[in-house]
Amino acid sequence: MSKVEKISIALTDEMLASVKNAVASGDYASSSEVIRHALRDWNVQRLREQEAIAEIRRLIAEADASGYEPYTGMDEIKAEGRRRLAEMRR
């Protein structure tokens, strides 16, 4: 078993009530167990977020390397739309 170190944490009233309710309901044996479970879930979520960020960075690098140039003619598209709208109103 790993070394266990006690720490002190500050919780809002709402968070503390959630921890106490989880223990009182019998879902967990102690408040420490609730916090350990929450930390395990947080670690999994954090890992997934880091993997998603790495994938986004990989895709951005792939796009940059492809030589693709984004379309910059939005002003022309808007002007054409305004021209057509003006024709329709005549």
N, C-alpha and C. Protein backbone atom coordinates (compact mmCIF):
# COMPACT_ATOMS: atom_id res chain seq x y z
N MET A 1 0.84 -1.19 0.00
CA MET A 1 0.00 0.00 0.00
C MET A 1 0.88 1.24 0.00
N SER A 2 0.43 2.27 -0.69
CA SER A 2 1.17 3.52 -0.76
C SER A 2 1.20 4.22 0.58
N LYS A 3 2.19 5.08 0.71
CA LYS A 3 2.28 5.92 1.90
C LYS A 3 1.06 6.84 1.93
N VAL A 4 0.45 7.02 3.07
CA VAL A 4 -0.72 7.87 3.22
C VAL A 4 -0.31 9.08 4.04
N GLU A 5 -0.63 10.25 3.51
CA GLU A 5 -0.33 11.49 4.22
C GLU A 5 -1.63 12.24 4.43
N LYS A 6 -1.83 12.70 5.63
CA LYS A 6 -3.03 13.46 5.93
C LYS A 6 -2.81 14.92 5.55
N ILE A 7 -3.84 15.51 4.93
CA ILE A 7 -3.81 16.93 4.60
C ILE A 7 -5.13 17.54 5.06
N SER A 8 -5.15 18.82 5.10
CA SER A 8 -6.36 19.54 5.46
C SER A 8 -6.85 20.28 4.22
N ILE A 9 -8.15 20.19 3.96
CA ILE A 9 -8.71 20.92 2.83
C ILE A 9 -9.89 21.77 3.30
N ALA A 10 -10.14 22.83 2.58
CA ALA A 10 -11.28 23.69 2.88
C ALA A 10 -12.35 23.44 1.83
N LEU A 11 -13.57 23.21 2.27
CA LEU A 11 -14.69 22.96 1.37
C LEU A 11 -15.79 23.97 1.63
N THR A 12 -16.52 24.30 0.59
CA THR A 12 -17.70 25.13 0.78
C THR A 12 -18.74 24.32 1.55
N ASP A 13 -19.72 24.99 2.11
CA ASP A 13 -20.79 24.29 2.83
C ASP A 13 -21.48 23.26 1.95
N GLU A 14 -21.68 23.64 0.69
CA GLU A 14 -22.35 22.75 -0.26
C GLU A 14 -21.51 21.50 -0.53
N MET A 15 -20.22 21.69 -0.73
CA MET A 15 -19.33 20.54 -0.97
C MET A 15 -19.27 19.64 0.26
N LEU A 16 -19.16 20.24 1.43
CA LEU A 16 -19.10 19.45 2.66
C LEU A 16 -20.37 18.65 2.86
N ALA A 17 -21.52 19.26 2.57
CA ALA A 17 -22.80 18.55 2.68
C ALA A 17 -22.84 17.37 1.72
N SER A 18 -22.32 17.54 0.51
CA SER A 18 -22.28 16.44 -0.46
C SER A 18 -21.43 15.29 0.05
N VAL A 19 -20.29 15.60 0.62
CA VAL A 19 -19.40 14.57 1.16
C VAL A 19 -20.10 13.84 2.30
N LYS A 20 -20.67 14.60 3.23
CA LYS A 20 -21.35 13.99 4.38
C LYS A 20 -22.54 13.14 3.94
N ASN A 21 -23.29 13.61 2.94
CA ASN A 21 -24.44 12.85 2.44
C ASN A 21 -23.99 11.54 1.79
N ALA A 22 -22.87 11.56 1.08
CA ALA A 22 -22.36 10.35 0.44
C ALA A 22 -21.97 9.31 1.49
N VAL A 23 -21.41 9.76 2.60
CA VAL A 23 -21.04 8.85 3.68
C VAL A 23 -22.29 8.36 4.41
N ALA A 24 -23.20 9.29 4.72
CA ALA A 24 -24.42 8.93 5.46
C ALA A 24 -25.29 7.95 4.68
N SER A 25 -25.27 8.06 3.35
CA SER A 25 -26.09 7.16 2.53
C SER A 25 -25.51 5.76 2.46
N GLY A 26 -24.27 5.62 2.89
CA GLY A 26 -23.62 4.32 2.85
C GLY A 26 -22.86 4.06 1.57
N ASP A 27 -22.85 5.03 0.66
CA ASP A 27 -22.11 4.86 -0.59
C ASP A 27 -20.60 4.81 -0.34
N TYR A 28 -20.15 5.48 0.70
CA TYR A 28 -18.73 5.52 1.05
C TYR A 28 -18.58 5.29 2.55
N ALA A 29 -17.44 4.74 2.92
CA ALA A 29 -17.19 4.44 4.33
C ALA A 29 -16.72 5.66 5.11
N SER A 30 -16.11 6.60 4.41
CA SER A 30 -15.57 7.78 5.11
C SER A 30 -15.47 8.96 4.13
N SER A 31 -15.29 10.14 4.71
CA SER A 31 -15.11 11.32 3.87
C SER A 31 -13.82 11.22 3.07
N SER A 32 -12.81 10.57 3.64
CA SER A 32 -11.55 10.38 2.91
C SER A 32 -11.77 9.55 1.66
N GLU A 33 -12.62 8.54 1.77
CA GLU A 33 -12.91 7.69 0.61
C GLU A 33 -13.61 8.50 -0.48
N VAL A 34 -14.52 9.38 -0.09
CA VAL A 34 -15.20 10.24 -1.06
C VAL A 34 -14.19 11.12 -1.80
N ILE A 35 -13.30 11.74 -1.06
CA ILE A 35 -12.31 12.63 -1.65
C ILE A 35 -11.35 11.86 -2.55
N ARG A 36 -10.91 10.67 -2.12
CA ARG A 36 -10.02 9.86 -2.95
C ARG A 36 -10.70 9.49 -4.27
N HIS A 37 -11.98 9.12 -4.19
CA HIS A 37 -12.73 8.77 -5.41
C HIS A 37 -12.83 10.00 -6.32
N ALA A 38 -13.13 11.15 -5.75
CA ALA A 38 -13.23 12.38 -6.55
C ALA A 38 -11.90 12.71 -7.21
N LEU A 39 -10.80 12.51 -6.51
CA LEU A 39 -9.48 12.78 -7.08
C LEU A 39 -9.13 11.81 -8.20
N ARG A 40 -9.51 10.53 -8.03
CA ARG A 40 -9.27 9.58 -9.12
C ARG A 40 -10.04 10.00 -10.36
N ASP A 41 -11.32 10.37 -10.20
CA ASP A 41 -12.11 10.83 -11.34
C ASP A 41 -11.51 12.08 -11.96
N TRP A 42 -11.04 13.01 -11.14
CA TRP A 42 -10.43 14.24 -11.62
C TRP A 42 -9.17 13.94 -12.43
N ASN A 43 -8.36 12.99 -11.95
CA ASN A 43 -7.15 12.61 -12.68
C ASN A 43 -7.48 12.03 -14.05
N VAL A 44 -8.52 11.19 -14.12
CA VAL A 44 -8.93 10.61 -15.40
C VAL A 44 -9.40 11.71 -16.34
N GLN A 45 -10.22 12.62 -15.84
CA GLN A 45 -10.73 13.72 -16.66
C GLN A 45 -9.58 14.61 -17.13
N ARG A 46 -8.65 14.88 -16.26
CA ARG A 46 -7.51 15.73 -16.61
C ARG A 46 -6.66 15.08 -17.71
N LEU A 47 -6.45 13.77 -17.60
CA LEU A 47 -5.70 13.04 -18.62
C LEU A 47 -6.41 13.11 -19.96
N ARG A 48 -7.73 12.93 -19.96
CA ARG A 48 -8.50 13.01 -21.21
C ARG A 48 -8.41 14.41 -21.83
N GLU A 49 -8.47 15.44 -20.98
CA GLU A 49 -8.35 16.81 -21.48
C GLU A 49 -6.97 17.04 -22.09
N GLN A 50 -5.93 16.54 -21.44
CA GLN A 50 -4.57 16.70 -21.96
C GLN A 50 -4.41 15.96 -23.29
N GLU A 51 -5.03 14.78 -23.39
CA GLU A 51 -4.97 14.03 -24.64
C GLU A 51 -5.72 14.77 -25.75
N ALA A 52 -6.86 15.37 -25.41
CA ALA A 52 -7.63 16.13 -26.40
C ALA A 52 -6.85 17.35 -26.87
N ILE A 53 -6.20 18.04 -25.95
CA ILE A 53 -5.38 19.20 -26.32
C ILE A 53 -4.23 18.78 -27.21
N ALA A 54 -3.59 17.66 -26.88
CA ALA A 54 -2.48 17.16 -27.71
C ALA A 54 -2.98 16.82 -29.11
N GLU A 55 -4.18 16.23 -29.22
CA GLU A 55 -4.74 15.90 -30.53
C GLU A 55 -5.05 17.16 -31.32
N ILE A 56 -5.60 18.17 -30.67
CA ILE A 56 -5.88 19.44 -31.35
C ILE A 56 -4.58 20.07 -31.85
N ARG A 57 -3.56 20.06 -31.02
CA ARG A 57 -2.26 20.61 -31.43
C ARG A 57 -1.69 19.84 -32.61
N ARG A 58 -1.85 18.50 -32.59
CA ARG A 58 -1.36 17.67 -33.69
C ARG A 58 -2.10 18.03 -34.98
N LEU A 59 -3.42 18.21 -34.89
CA LEU A 59 -4.20 18.56 -36.08
C LEU A 59 -3.84 19.94 -36.61
N ILE A 60 -3.59 20.87 -35.72
CA ILE A 60 -3.18 22.22 -36.14
C ILE A 60 -1.83 22.15 -36.85
N ALA A 61 -0.91 21.39 -36.28
CA ALA A 61 0.41 21.25 -36.91
C ALA A 61 0.28 20.59 -38.28
N GLU A 62 -0.60 19.58 -38.38
CA GLU A 62 -0.83 18.91 -39.66
C GLU A 62 -1.42 19.88 -40.68
N ALA A 63 -2.35 20.70 -40.24
CA ALA A 63 -2.94 21.69 -41.15
C ALA A 63 -1.90 22.72 -41.59
N ASP A 64 -1.09 23.17 -40.65
CA ASP A 64 -0.03 24.14 -40.99
C ASP A 64 0.94 23.53 -42.00
N ALA A 65 1.27 22.28 -41.80
CA ALA A 65 2.24 21.62 -42.69
C ALA A 65 1.67 21.33 -44.07
N SER A 66 0.35 21.32 -44.19
CA SER A 66 -0.28 20.98 -45.47
C SER A 66 -0.15 22.11 -46.50
N GLY A 67 0.16 23.31 -46.02
CA GLY A 67 0.29 24.43 -46.94
C GLY A 67 -1.04 25.08 -47.27
N TYR A 68 -2.11 24.65 -46.65
CA TYR A 68 -3.44 25.21 -46.90
C TYR A 68 -3.47 26.68 -46.53
N GLU A 69 -4.03 27.47 -47.41
CA GLU A 69 -4.21 28.90 -47.14
C GLU A 69 -5.70 29.16 -46.96
N PRO A 70 -6.11 29.65 -45.81
CA PRO A 70 -7.53 29.91 -45.60
C PRO A 70 -8.06 30.97 -46.56
N TYR A 71 -9.33 30.84 -46.90
CA TYR A 71 -9.95 31.80 -47.82
C TYR A 71 -10.06 33.15 -47.14
N THR A 72 -9.64 34.18 -47.82
CA THR A 72 -9.66 35.52 -47.24
C THR A 72 -10.54 36.47 -48.02
N GLY A 73 -11.37 35.94 -48.91
CA GLY A 73 -12.20 36.80 -49.76
C GLY A 73 -13.58 37.08 -49.19
N MET A 74 -13.70 37.15 -47.88
CA MET A 74 -15.01 37.37 -47.27
C MET A 74 -15.60 38.71 -47.68
N ASP A 75 -14.78 39.73 -47.86
CA ASP A 75 -15.30 41.04 -48.27
C ASP A 75 -15.99 40.94 -49.63
N GLU A 76 -15.40 40.15 -50.54
CA GLU A 76 -16.01 39.98 -51.87
C GLU A 76 -17.35 39.25 -51.76
N ILE A 77 -17.42 38.25 -50.91
CA ILE A 77 -18.67 37.51 -50.74
C ILE A 77 -19.74 38.43 -50.18
N LYS A 78 -19.39 39.23 -49.19
CA LYS A 78 -20.36 40.17 -48.61
C LYS A 78 -20.83 41.18 -49.66
N ALA A 79 -19.90 41.70 -50.43
CA ALA A 79 -20.25 42.68 -51.46
C ALA A 79 -21.20 42.06 -52.48
N GLU A 80 -20.94 40.83 -52.90
CA GLU A 80 -21.81 40.16 -53.86
C GLU A 80 -23.19 39.93 -53.26
N GLY A 81 -23.25 39.56 -52.00
CA GLY A 81 -24.54 39.39 -51.33
C GLY A 81 -25.31 40.69 -51.26
N ARG A 82 -24.64 41.77 -50.95
CA ARG A 82 -25.31 43.07 -50.89
C ARG A 82 -25.80 43.50 -52.27
N ARG A 83 -24.99 43.22 -53.30
CA ARG A 83 -25.39 43.55 -54.66
C ARG A 83 -26.65 42.79 -55.05
N ARG A 84 -26.68 41.49 -54.75
CA ARG A 84 -27.86 40.67 -55.09
C ARG A 84 -29.09 41.12 -54.31
N LEU A 85 -28.90 41.46 -53.06
CA LEU A 85 -30.01 41.94 -52.23
C LEU A 85 -30.57 43.24 -52.81
N ALA A 86 -29.67 44.13 -53.23
CA ALA A 86 -30.12 45.39 -53.82
C ALA A 86 -30.89 45.15 -55.09
N GLU A 87 -30.47 44.19 -55.92
CA GLU A 87 -31.19 43.85 -57.16
C GLU A 87 -32.58 43.31 -56.85
N MET A 88 -32.69 42.49 -55.83
CA MET A 88 -33.98 41.90 -55.46
C MET A 88 -34.95 42.97 -54.97
N ARG A 89 -34.47 44.02 -54.38
CA ARG A 89 -35.31 45.08 -53.83
C ARG A 89 -35.79 46.06 -54.90
N ARG A 90 -35.22 45.98 -56.08
CA ARG A 90 -35.60 46.92 -57.15
C ARG A 90 -36.91 46.56 -57.74
